C-alpha atoms as a PDB file:
ATOM      1  CA  MET A   1     100.598  78.594  67.533  1.00  0.00           C
ATOM      2  CA  SER A   2     104.315  77.865  67.329  1.00  0.00           C
ATOM      3  CA  ASP A   3     105.653  74.974  65.310  1.00  0.00           C
ATOM      4  CA  ALA A   4     108.577  72.770  66.265  1.00  0.00           C
ATOM      5  CA  GLY A   5     111.019  74.988  64.449  1.00  0.00           C
ATOM      6  CA  ASP A   6     110.145  77.908  66.706  1.00  0.00           C
ATOM      7  CA  THR A   7     111.175  76.243  69.927  1.00  0.00           C
ATOM      8  CA  LEU A   8     114.303  77.366  71.714  1.00  0.00           C
ATOM      9  CA  PRO A   9     116.515  74.380  72.607  1.00  0.00           C
ATOM     10  CA  LEU A  10     119.192  74.813  75.208  1.00  0.00           C
ATOM     11  CA  ALA A  11     122.735  75.194  73.975  1.00  0.00           C
ATOM     12  CA  PRO A  12     124.839  72.124  74.784  1.00  0.00           C
ATOM     13  CA  HIS A  13     127.249  74.187  76.877  1.00  0.00           C
ATOM     14  CA  VAL A  14     124.495  75.674  79.065  1.00  0.00           C
ATOM     15  CA  SER A  15     124.124  73.783  82.332  1.00  0.00           C
ATOM     16  CA  SER A  16     120.717  73.050  83.813  1.00  0.00           C
ATOM     17  CA  ALA A  17     121.467  75.402  86.694  1.00  0.00           C
ATOM     18  CA  ARG A  18     122.279  78.172  84.224  1.00  0.00           C
ATOM     19  CA  ALA A  19     119.140  77.415  82.234  1.00  0.00           C
ATOM     20  CA  PHE A  20     117.003  77.977  85.318  1.00  0.00           C
ATOM     21  CA  GLY A  21     118.646  81.271  86.073  1.00  0.00           C
ATOM     22  CA  LEU A  22     120.933  80.210  88.920  1.00  0.00           C
ATOM     23  CA  SER A  23     123.616  82.690  87.969  1.00  0.00           C
ATOM     24  CA  GLN A  24     126.621  83.286  90.143  1.00  0.00           C
ATOM     25  CA  THR A  25     125.349  86.586  91.533  1.00  0.00           C
ATOM     26  CA  ARG A  26     121.947  85.203  92.403  1.00  0.00           C
ATOM     27  CA  LEU A  27     123.457  82.106  93.928  1.00  0.00           C
ATOM     28  CA  ILE A  28     125.737  84.229  96.105  1.00  0.00           C
ATOM     29  CA  LEU A  29     122.769  86.325  97.244  1.00  0.00           C
ATOM     30  CA  THR A  30     120.807  83.177  98.067  1.00  0.00           C
ATOM     31  CA  VAL A  31     123.612  81.554 100.070  1.00  0.00           C
ATOM     32  CA  ALA A  32     124.400  84.813 101.865  1.00  0.00           C
ATOM     33  CA  THR A  33     120.762  85.294 102.857  1.00  0.00           C
ATOM     34  CA  ILE A  34     120.461  81.721 104.096  1.00  0.00           C
ATOM     35  CA  LEU A  35     123.575  82.149 106.238  1.00  0.00           C
ATOM     36  CA  ALA A  36     122.314  85.491 107.519  1.00  0.00           C
ATOM     37  CA  THR A  37     118.989  83.867 108.414  1.00  0.00           C
ATOM     38  CA  ILE A  38     120.700  81.091 110.365  1.00  0.00           C
ATOM     39  CA  LEU A  39     122.861  83.602 112.229  1.00  0.00           C
ATOM     40  CA  SER A  40     119.828  85.750 112.956  1.00  0.00           C
ATOM     41  CA  ILE A  41     117.855  82.837 114.388  1.00  0.00           C
ATOM     42  CA  SER A  42     120.805  81.852 116.570  1.00  0.00           C
ATOM     43  CA  PHE A  43     121.999  85.226 117.846  1.00  0.00           C
ATOM     44  CA  ILE A  44     119.904  88.193 116.697  1.00  0.00           C
ATOM     45  CA  ASP A  45     116.204  87.373 116.768  1.00  0.00           C
ATOM     46  CA  ARG A  46     115.646  87.175 120.508  1.00  0.00           C
ATOM     47  CA  PRO A  47     117.432  90.373 121.581  1.00  0.00           C
ATOM     48  CA  THR A  48     116.089  92.451 118.694  1.00  0.00           C
ATOM     49  CA  ALA A  49     112.502  91.286 119.236  1.00  0.00           C
ATOM     50  CA  SER A  50     112.767  92.087 122.932  1.00  0.00           C
ATOM     51  CA  TRP A  51     114.237  95.511 122.170  1.00  0.00           C
ATOM     52  CA  SER A  52     111.546  96.279 119.606  1.00  0.00           C
ATOM     53  CA  HIS A  53     108.801  95.345 122.038  1.00  0.00           C
ATOM     54  CA  ALA A  54     110.281  97.438 124.824  1.00  0.00           C
ATOM     55  CA  THR A  55     111.158 100.473 122.707  1.00  0.00           C
ATOM     56  CA  LEU A  56     108.910 100.673 119.644  1.00  0.00           C
ATOM     57  CA  HIS A  57     105.795  98.709 120.509  1.00  0.00           C
ATOM     58  CA  GLY A  58     102.516 100.533 119.933  1.00  0.00           C
ATOM     59  CA  ILE A  59     103.769 103.165 117.471  1.00  0.00           C
ATOM     60  CA  TRP A  60     101.024 103.339 114.845  1.00  0.00           C
ATOM     61  CA  ALA A  61     103.350 104.270 111.970  1.00  0.00           C
ATOM     62  CA  PHE A  62     105.060 100.889 112.066  1.00  0.00           C
ATOM     63  CA  VAL A  63     101.770  99.029 112.005  1.00  0.00           C
ATOM     64  CA  ALA A  64     100.593 101.202 109.098  1.00  0.00           C
ATOM     65  CA  LEU A  65     103.654 100.268 107.045  1.00  0.00           C
ATOM     66  CA  THR A  66     102.827  96.581 107.353  1.00  0.00           C
ATOM     67  CA  HIS A  67      99.486  97.215 105.620  1.00  0.00           C
ATOM     68  CA  LEU A  68     101.225  98.249 102.388  1.00  0.00           C
ATOM     69  CA  VAL A  69     101.061  94.557 101.489  1.00  0.00           C
ATOM     70  CA  ASP A  70      97.315  94.131 102.035  1.00  0.00           C
ATOM     71  CA  PRO A  71      96.052  95.019  98.519  1.00  0.00           C
ATOM     72  CA  LEU A  72      98.685  93.005  96.665  1.00  0.00           C
ATOM     73  CA  PRO A  73      97.332  89.410  96.891  1.00  0.00           C
ATOM     74  CA  PRO A  74      93.769  90.308  95.786  1.00  0.00           C
ATOM     75  CA  ALA A  75      95.164  92.615  93.097  1.00  0.00           C
ATOM     76  CA  ALA A  76      97.349  89.769  91.816  1.00  0.00           C
ATOM     77  CA  ALA A  77      94.393  87.382  91.687  1.00  0.00           C
ATOM     78  CA  ILE A  78      92.240  89.921  89.850  1.00  0.00           C
ATOM     79  CA  GLY A  79      95.054  90.815  87.466  1.00  0.00           C
ATOM     80  CA  PHE A  80      95.666  87.179  86.618  1.00  0.00           C
ATOM     81  CA  LEU A  81      91.960  86.569  85.995  1.00  0.00           C
ATOM     82  CA  VAL A  82      91.648  89.634  83.766  1.00  0.00           C
ATOM     83  CA  LEU A  83      94.693  88.693  81.706  1.00  0.00           C
ATOM     84  CA  GLY A  84      93.534  85.083  81.573  1.00  0.00           C
ATOM     85  CA  ILE A  85      90.101  86.037  80.279  1.00  0.00           C
ATOM     86  CA  ALA A  86      91.736  88.313  77.727  1.00  0.00           C
ATOM     87  CA  ALA A  87      93.944  85.441  76.579  1.00  0.00           C
ATOM     88  CA  LEU A  88      90.929  83.165  76.218  1.00  0.00           C
ATOM     89  CA  SER A  89      89.369  85.780  73.954  1.00  0.00           C
ATOM     90  CA  GLY A  90      92.441  85.721  71.736  1.00  0.00           C
ATOM     91  CA  ARG A  91      94.218  88.811  73.068  1.00  0.00           C
ATOM     92  CA  ARG A  92      97.819  88.407  74.113  1.00  0.00           C
ATOM     93  CA  PRO A  93      99.260  90.834  76.677  1.00  0.00           C
ATOM     94  CA  GLY A  94     101.506  93.606  75.433  1.00  0.00           C
ATOM     95  CA  PRO A  95     104.848  94.492  77.053  1.00  0.00           C
ATOM     96  CA  LEU A  96     103.224  96.136  80.075  1.00  0.00           C
ATOM     97  CA  GLY A  97     100.625  93.393  80.384  1.00  0.00           C
ATOM     98  CA  TRP A  98     103.355  90.778  80.331  1.00  0.00           C
ATOM     99  CA  VAL A  99     105.169  92.489  83.209  1.00  0.00           C
ATOM    100  CA  VAL A 100     101.912  92.614  85.161  1.00  0.00           C
ATOM    101  CA  LEU A 101     101.306  88.935  84.460  1.00  0.00           C
ATOM    102  CA  GLN A 102     104.769  87.972  85.697  1.00  0.00           C
ATOM    103  CA  ALA A 103     104.281  90.006  88.877  1.00  0.00           C
ATOM    104  CA  CYS A 104     100.850  88.451  89.504  1.00  0.00           C
ATOM    105  CA  VAL A 105     102.030  84.888  88.994  1.00  0.00           C
ATOM    106  CA  ALA A 106     105.167  85.439  91.080  1.00  0.00           C
ATOM    107  CA  LEU A 107     103.087  86.726  93.997  1.00  0.00           C
ATOM    108  CA  LEU A 108     100.440  84.013  93.794  1.00  0.00           C
ATOM    109  CA  VAL A 109     103.052  81.245  93.620  1.00  0.00           C
ATOM    110  CA  ALA A 110     105.075  82.790  96.444  1.00  0.00           C
ATOM    111  CA  VAL A 111     102.038  82.990  98.727  1.00  0.00           C
ATOM    112  CA  MET A 112     101.193  79.328  98.163  1.00  0.00           C
ATOM    113  CA  ILE A 113     104.754  78.212  98.897  1.00  0.00           C
ATOM    114  CA  LYS A 114     104.932  80.502 101.927  1.00  0.00           C
ATOM    115  CA  ASP A 115     101.878  78.843 103.464  1.00  0.00           C
ATOM    116  CA  GLN A 116     103.443  75.408 103.124  1.00  0.00           C
ATOM    117  CA  ALA A 117     106.754  76.651 104.517  1.00  0.00           C
ATOM    118  CA  LYS A 118     105.041  78.111 107.582  1.00  0.00           C
ATOM    119  CA  PHE A 119     103.446  74.746 108.300  1.00  0.00           C
ATOM    120  CA  ALA A 120     106.717  72.889 107.736  1.00  0.00           C
ATOM    121  CA  PHE A 121     108.827  75.097 110.026  1.00  0.00           C
ATOM    122  CA  GLY A 122     106.234  75.777 112.729  1.00  0.00           C
ATOM    123  CA  ARG A 123     108.074  78.696 114.277  1.00  0.00           C
ATOM    124  CA  LEU A 124     106.677  80.490 117.312  1.00  0.00           C
ATOM    125  CA  TRP A 125     105.902  84.225 117.054  1.00  0.00           C
ATOM    126  CA  PRO A 126     107.697  87.080 118.805  1.00  0.00           C
ATOM    127  CA  GLU A 127     104.481  88.009 120.616  1.00  0.00           C
ATOM    128  CA  THR A 128     101.164  86.401 121.521  1.00  0.00           C
ATOM    129  CA  TRP A 129      98.597  87.272 118.854  1.00  0.00           C
ATOM    130  CA  ILE A 130      95.797  84.720 118.923  1.00  0.00           C
ATOM    131  CA  ASN A 131      94.354  82.076 121.269  1.00  0.00           C
ATOM    132  CA  ASN A 132      97.138  82.634 123.813  1.00  0.00           C
ATOM    133  CA  ASN A 133      99.731  81.201 121.465  1.00  0.00           C
ATOM    134  CA  PRO A 134     103.160  80.625 123.024  1.00  0.00           C
ATOM    135  CA  SER A 135     105.641  83.362 122.113  1.00  0.00           C
ATOM    136  CA  LEU A 136     108.919  84.914 123.124  1.00  0.00           C
ATOM    137  CA  ILE A 137     107.432  88.027 124.706  1.00  0.00           C
ATOM    138  CA  GLY A 138     104.219  86.469 126.003  1.00  0.00           C
ATOM    139  CA  THR A 139     105.426  83.204 127.510  1.00  0.00           C
ATOM    140  CA  GLY A 140     109.197  83.095 126.967  1.00  0.00           C
ATOM    141  CA  ALA A 141     108.859  80.353 124.351  1.00  0.00           C
ATOM    142  CA  TYR A 142     111.224  80.431 121.400  1.00  0.00           C
ATOM    143  CA  GLY A 143     111.932  77.962 118.649  1.00  0.00           C
ATOM    144  CA  PHE A 144     110.492  75.778 115.914  1.00  0.00           C
ATOM    145  CA  VAL A 145     107.909  73.002 116.143  1.00  0.00           C
ATOM    146  CA  PRO A 146     107.932  71.502 112.614  1.00  0.00           C
ATOM    147  CA  PHE A 147     104.560  70.488 111.168  1.00  0.00           C
ATOM    148  CA  HIS A 148     102.693  71.544 114.292  1.00  0.00           C
ATOM    149  CA  GLY A 149     100.113  73.557 112.352  1.00  0.00           C
ATOM    150  CA  GLY A 150      97.963  76.419 113.561  1.00  0.00           C
ATOM    151  CA  THR A 151      98.290  80.185 113.367  1.00  0.00           C
ATOM    152  CA  GLY A 152     100.337  80.291 116.554  1.00  0.00           C
ATOM    153  CA  TRP A 153     103.139  78.350 114.897  1.00  0.00           C
ATOM    154  CA  ALA A 154     103.482  80.244 111.637  1.00  0.00           C
ATOM    155  CA  SER A 155     106.079  82.987 112.079  1.00  0.00           C
ATOM    156  CA  PHE A 156     108.640  81.669 109.587  1.00  0.00           C
ATOM    157  CA  PRO A 157     108.981  82.811 106.844  1.00  0.00           C
ATOM    158  CA  SER A 158     107.356  86.239 106.907  1.00  0.00           C
ATOM    159  CA  GLY A 159     104.336  86.313 104.638  1.00  0.00           C
ATOM    160  CA  HIS A 160     104.489  90.100 104.462  1.00  0.00           C
ATOM    161  CA  MET A 161     108.043  90.081 103.131  1.00  0.00           C
ATOM    162  CA  THR A 162     107.270  87.262 100.710  1.00  0.00           C
ATOM    163  CA  ALA A 163     104.256  89.113  99.325  1.00  0.00           C
ATOM    164  CA  ILE A 164     106.030  92.452  98.845  1.00  0.00           C
ATOM    165  CA  THR A 165     109.279  91.038  97.464  1.00  0.00           C
ATOM    166  CA  ALA A 166     107.865  88.699  94.813  1.00  0.00           C
ATOM    167  CA  PRO A 167     106.094  91.317  92.646  1.00  0.00           C
ATOM    168  CA  MET A 168     108.774  93.964  93.226  1.00  0.00           C
ATOM    169  CA  VAL A 169     111.555  91.684  92.002  1.00  0.00           C
ATOM    170  CA  ALA A 170     109.392  90.480  89.124  1.00  0.00           C
ATOM    171  CA  ILE A 171     109.013  93.999  87.707  1.00  0.00           C
ATOM    172  CA  GLN A 172     112.716  94.839  87.973  1.00  0.00           C
ATOM    173  CA  PRO A 173     113.487  93.821  84.361  1.00  0.00           C
ATOM    174  CA  ALA A 174     110.992  96.353  83.034  1.00  0.00           C
ATOM    175  CA  LEU A 175     112.460  99.117  85.172  1.00  0.00           C
ATOM    176  CA  ARG A 176     116.002  98.390  83.963  1.00  0.00           C
ATOM    177  CA  ARG A 177     118.356 100.922  85.553  1.00  0.00           C
ATOM    178  CA  TRP A 178     115.574 102.071  87.862  1.00  0.00           C
ATOM    179  CA  TRP A 179     115.246  98.607  89.389  1.00  0.00           C
ATOM    180  CA  TRP A 180     116.427  99.978  92.741  1.00  0.00           C
ATOM    181  CA  VAL A 181     113.137 101.814  93.318  1.00  0.00           C
ATOM    182  CA  THR A 182     111.577  98.424  94.074  1.00  0.00           C
ATOM    183  CA  VAL A 183     113.783  98.207  97.163  1.00  0.00           C
ATOM    184  CA  VAL A 184     111.893 101.111  98.753  1.00  0.00           C
ATOM    185  CA  PRO A 185     108.542  99.346  99.387  1.00  0.00           C
ATOM    186  CA  ILE A 186     110.394  96.207 100.463  1.00  0.00           C
ATOM    187  CA  GLY A 187     112.376  98.219 102.979  1.00  0.00           C
ATOM    188  CA  LEU A 188     109.313 100.075 104.253  1.00  0.00           C
ATOM    189  CA  VAL A 189     107.450  96.841 104.973  1.00  0.00           C
ATOM    190  CA  ALA A 190     110.516  95.418 106.728  1.00  0.00           C
ATOM    191  CA  ILE A 191     110.764  98.532 108.913  1.00  0.00           C
ATOM    192  CA  GLY A 192     107.081  98.224 109.770  1.00  0.00           C
ATOM    193  CA  LEU A 193     107.360  94.566 110.710  1.00  0.00           C
ATOM    194  CA  PHE A 194     110.396  95.176 112.895  1.00  0.00           C
ATOM    195  CA  GLY A 195     108.925  98.226 114.629  1.00  0.00           C
ATOM    196  CA  ALA A 196     105.597  96.509 115.272  1.00  0.00           C
ATOM    197  CA  ASP A 197     107.446  93.378 116.443  1.00  0.00           C
ATOM    198  CA  TYR A 198     105.327  91.304 114.096  1.00  0.00           C
ATOM    199  CA  HIS A 199     108.259  89.168 112.978  1.00  0.00           C
ATOM    200  CA  PHE A 200     111.763  88.166 113.915  1.00  0.00           C
ATOM    201  CA  VAL A 201     114.583  89.433 111.675  1.00  0.00           C
ATOM    202  CA  GLY A 202     115.199  85.860 110.528  1.00  0.00           C
ATOM    203  CA  ASP A 203     111.570  85.571 109.421  1.00  0.00           C
ATOM    204  CA  MET A 204     111.932  88.697 107.315  1.00  0.00           C
ATOM    205  CA  LEU A 205     115.154  87.541 105.688  1.00  0.00           C
ATOM    206  CA  ALA A 206     113.612  84.180 104.809  1.00  0.00           C
ATOM    207  CA  GLY A 207     110.445  85.783 103.435  1.00  0.00           C
ATOM    208  CA  THR A 208     112.465  88.182 101.306  1.00  0.00           C
ATOM    209  CA  LEU A 209     114.515  85.337  99.878  1.00  0.00           C
ATOM    210  CA  LEU A 210     111.439  83.223  99.166  1.00  0.00           C
ATOM    211  CA  GLY A 211     109.741  86.083  97.340  1.00  0.00           C
ATOM    212  CA  ALA A 212     112.859  86.820  95.306  1.00  0.00           C
ATOM    213  CA  ILE A 213     113.367  83.176  94.317  1.00  0.00           C
ATOM    214  CA  CYS A 214     109.756  82.879  93.174  1.00  0.00           C
ATOM    215  CA  ALA A 215     110.088  86.054  91.107  1.00  0.00           C
ATOM    216  CA  TRP A 216     113.398  84.921  89.581  1.00  0.00           C
ATOM    217  CA  ALA A 217     111.853  81.587  88.652  1.00  0.00           C
ATOM    218  CA  ILE A 218     108.717  83.060  87.094  1.00  0.00           C
ATOM    219  CA  VAL A 219     110.617  85.692  85.096  1.00  0.00           C
ATOM    220  CA  SER A 220     113.017  83.011  83.836  1.00  0.00           C
ATOM    221  CA  LEU A 221     110.355  80.429  83.035  1.00  0.00           C
ATOM    222  CA  MET A 222     107.837  82.770  81.380  1.00  0.00           C
ATOM    223  CA  PRO A 223     109.449  83.729  78.054  1.00  0.00           C
ATOM    224  CA  ARG A 224     108.637  86.813  76.067  1.00  0.00           C
ATOM    225  CA  PRO A 225     105.788  85.805  73.754  1.00  0.00           C
ATOM    226  CA  GLU A 226     107.325  87.558  70.747  1.00  0.00           C
ATOM    227  CA  THR A 227     110.750  85.924  71.006  1.00  0.00           C
ATOM    228  CA  GLY A 228     110.406  82.783  73.079  1.00  0.00           C
ATOM    229  CA  ARG A 229     113.370  83.990  75.115  1.00  0.00           C
ATOM    230  CA  PRO A 230     113.420  84.301  78.901  1.00  0.00           C
ATOM    231  CA  THR A 231     113.232  87.872  80.131  1.00  0.00           C
ATOM    232  CA  LYS A 232     116.625  89.539  80.446  1.00  0.00           C
ATOM    233  CA  MET A 233     117.469  91.646  83.505  1.00  0.00           C
ATOM    234  CA  ASP A 234     119.859  94.546  84.008  1.00  0.00           C
ATOM    235  CA  GLY A 235     121.811  95.713  87.050  1.00  0.00           C
ATOM    236  CA  LEU A 236     121.439  93.608  90.170  1.00  0.00           C
ATOM    237  CA  ALA A 237     118.404  92.095  88.551  1.00  0.00           C
ATOM    238  CA  GLY A 238     120.811  90.829  85.872  1.00  0.00           C
ATOM    239  CA  SER A 239     121.399  87.882  88.151  1.00  0.00           C
ATOM    240  CA  ILE A 240     118.646  86.282  86.107  1.00  0.00           C
ATOM    241  CA  ALA A 241     120.471  84.133  83.625  1.00  0.00           C
ATOM    242  CA  THR A 242     119.448  83.946  79.993  1.00  0.00           C
ATOM    243  CA  VAL A 243     119.170  80.845  77.867  1.00  0.00           C
ATOM    244  CA  SER A 244     121.401  80.839  74.849  1.00  0.00           C
ATOM    245  CA  ASP A 245     119.947  80.305  71.402  1.00  0.00           C
ATOM    246  CA  SER A 246     121.448  77.154  69.919  1.00  0.00           C
ATOM    247  CA  ARG A 247     119.691  77.409  66.563  1.00  0.00           C
ATOM    248  CA  HIS A 248     121.967  77.616  63.547  1.00  0.00           C
END
């Protein structure tokens, strides 16, 4: 148990935005992705979805790539339970266990937020998947029906991209200079979704951003147990801001 003297107060000169990791690089990435998503919805999504359906539809390799995400949510739930039970027995996770815990929590939080976002935006799918849902390819329907509810109105943001991005970004601090390897599975899932015409490009951009934000938040808010400091990131992942130690 930590006493009051072990807490880490924020330095007076550290803004609240800085304290929560909203560094300049990360903020630029967030704004750029939001703008790209808006542009995609307005000008790119319809022609690219139509092209994908006409040119790539039915190629099994693209569908297979989308299944890379399938084991992640149950693995995250199991990992969290195992680490939680270990904590209840008095065992704290080591460095590797802490990275696993951050990845699990980031994914579980991201999935919950994604579900609420899908309901709030109510976007129609590129193709008709279930119960004759309206779609761009199937019925020519395109757009958003906020708070409509139902699986036929749940294209935005992409759950696949949210689920793959959150844990990958969460483990970047541990990989340090090798952080870029996490981009590979993210890119593979995106290629699969585009080739299978499962999602619009705008859906994928939004899902990627949501997953990254959840990972950034969890890594920043879950301090290292041995130091009480937020996890520090290198490279592009260094967009996670650190909280300065104001103890004297």
